[in-house]
Protein backbone atom coordinates (compact mmCIF):
# COMPACT_ATOMS: atom_id res chain seq x y z
CA MET A 1 0.04 0.09 0.05
CA ASN A 2 1.27 3.46 -0.84
CA GLY A 3 1.01 6.58 1.17
CA MET A 4 -2.33 7.74 -0.62
CA GLU A 5 -3.85 4.38 0.01
CA ILE A 6 -2.86 4.35 3.60
CA ILE A 7 -4.25 7.92 4.14
CA SER A 8 -7.57 6.80 2.40
CA LEU A 9 -7.86 3.72 4.46
CA VAL A 10 -7.24 5.47 7.84
CA MET A 11 -9.75 8.30 6.79
CA SER A 12 -12.31 5.81 5.57
CA ILE A 13 -12.21 3.82 8.82
CA ALA A 14 -12.28 7.14 10.85
CA VAL A 15 -15.39 8.39 8.99
CA LEU A 16 -17.19 5.11 9.45
CA LEU A 17 -16.20 4.86 13.07
CA LYS A 18 -17.39 8.52 13.70
CA LEU A 19 -20.71 7.64 12.08
CA VAL A 20 -21.22 4.62 14.27
CA ILE A 21 -20.42 6.57 17.36
CA PHE A 22 -22.75 9.44 16.14
CA LEU A 23 -25.54 7.00 15.70
CA VAL A 24 -24.85 4.79 18.86
CA LYS A 25 -23.47 7.28 21.43
CA PRO A 26 -23.74 10.87 20.18
CA LYS A 27 -23.14 12.19 23.64
CA LEU A 28 -19.61 10.79 23.47
CA LEU A 29 -18.91 12.54 20.13
CA SER A 30 -20.22 15.71 21.55
CA ASP A 31 -18.10 15.38 24.71
CA MET A 32 -15.12 14.71 22.47
CA ALA A 33 -15.91 17.97 20.34
CA SER A 34 -16.43 19.90 23.54
CA ASN A 35 -13.00 18.86 24.92
CA MET A 36 -11.36 19.76 21.47
CA VAL A 37 -12.73 23.33 21.79
CA LYS A 38 -11.37 23.70 25.26
CA HIS A 39 -7.95 22.96 23.77
CA ILE A 40 -8.29 24.60 20.34
CA ASN A 41 -5.02 26.36 20.40
CA MET A 42 -3.14 23.04 21.06
CA MET A 43 -5.24 21.58 18.22
CA LYS A 44 -4.31 23.99 15.54
CA TRP A 45 -0.58 23.23 14.89
CA PRO A 46 -1.08 19.43 14.85
CA MET A 47 -3.78 20.08 12.26
CA VAL A 48 -1.22 22.15 10.29
CA ALA A 49 1.30 19.50 10.53
CA LEU A 50 -1.07 16.94 9.20
CA LEU A 51 -2.14 19.36 6.49
CA VAL A 52 1.53 19.38 5.43
CA VAL A 53 2.07 15.61 5.69
CA ILE A 54 -1.11 14.79 3.81
CA GLY A 55 -0.47 17.57 1.31
CA TYR A 56 3.10 16.16 0.66
CA TYR A 57 1.48 12.71 -0.30
CA VAL A 58 -1.13 14.31 -2.44
CA PHE A 59 1.22 16.52 -4.43
CA THR A 60 3.78 13.67 -4.89
CA ASN A 61 1.00 11.68 -6.49
CA LEU A 62 -1.17 14.15 -8.18
CA THR A 63 -0.81 17.37 -10.19
CA ILE A 64 -2.30 20.54 -8.80
CA THR A 65 -4.91 20.42 -11.49
CA GLN A 66 -5.99 16.93 -10.46
CA ALA A 67 -5.94 17.73 -6.62
CA PHE A 68 -7.61 21.27 -6.77
CA PRO A 69 -11.07 19.83 -7.85
CA ALA A 70 -10.81 17.30 -4.95
CA PHE A 71 -10.26 20.16 -2.50
CA VAL A 72 -13.29 22.03 -4.01
CA PHE A 73 -15.38 18.96 -3.78
CA GLY A 74 -14.54 18.66 -0.05
CA TYR A 75 -15.35 22.39 0.39
CA LEU A 76 -18.64 21.91 -1.23
CA VAL A 77 -19.46 18.90 0.96
CA PHE A 78 -18.67 21.09 3.92
CA GLY A 79 -20.89 23.84 2.46
CA VAL A 80 -23.91 21.38 2.25
CA PHE A 81 -23.23 20.58 5.80
CA MET A 82 -23.19 24.25 6.84
CA PHE A 83 -26.31 25.10 4.86
CA SER A 84 -28.20 22.43 6.69
CA TYR A 85 -27.72 24.61 9.91
CA PRO A 86 -28.61 28.20 8.68
CA LYS A 87 -28.63 29.76 12.01
CA LEU A 88 -25.26 28.35 12.87
CA TYR A 89 -23.98 29.37 9.41
CA LYS A 90 -25.27 32.92 10.02
CA ILE A 91 -23.32 33.10 13.40
CA PHE A 92 -20.24 31.58 11.80
CA VAL A 93 -20.21 34.21 9.02
CA ALA A 94 -20.61 37.04 11.61
CA GLU A 95 -17.62 35.58 13.57
CA VAL A 96 -15.43 35.42 10.55
CA PHE A 97 -16.12 38.98 9.46
CA LYS A 98 -15.85 40.25 13.08
CA ASP A 99 -12.11 39.39 13.10
CA THR A 100 -10.78 38.56 9.60
CA SER A 101 -7.21 38.37 10.97
CA LYS A 102 -7.82 34.81 11.97
CA THR A 103 -8.45 33.74 8.32
CA TRP A 104 -4.94 34.63 7.04
CA LEU A 105 -3.58 30.98 7.05
CA VAL A 106 -6.77 29.49 5.11
CA TRP A 107 -6.61 32.43 2.57
CA LEU A 108 -2.79 31.93 2.19
CA ILE A 109 -3.42 28.19 1.45
CA TRP A 110 -6.28 28.87 -0.98
CA VAL A 111 -4.19 31.68 -2.80
CA GLY A 112 -1.23 29.59 -3.03
CA LEU A 113 -3.14 26.52 -4.56
CA SER A 114 -4.92 28.99 -6.92
CA VAL A 115 -1.68 30.50 -8.20
CA LEU A 116 -0.17 26.98 -8.61
CA VAL A 117 -3.24 25.98 -10.62
CA LEU A 118 -3.07 29.08 -12.89
CA TYR A 119 0.80 28.72 -13.23
CA SER A 120 0.32 24.97 -14.32
CA LEU A 121 -2.38 25.74 -16.64
CA PHE A 122 -0.82 28.86 -18.35
CA ALA A 123 2.92 28.64 -17.93
């Protein structure tokens, strides 16, 4: 199994396990989420590290023009989820625009990916 297959295997099992926990013991999942929120600053940098590691495997196996649509697909799935909770979405949007300085890392990633796509397509 190569790195991409291992990442796919681990994430598939994690998604299915999370769904089972959500259906059988939703309180456990809720408690885990609450604990993560309490330690949100400690969670950010391990997430960035995972982003870098998984990004390495993605970009060594796919071109940017192959990977970018998959990122957009994931973003759209998240959008469908958020639109299922319009009140929460409204609060989320208000929070984002209240302090836009917290969004710099995400914007940097999306801009970097977009520039790479444009470079790949037109250079």
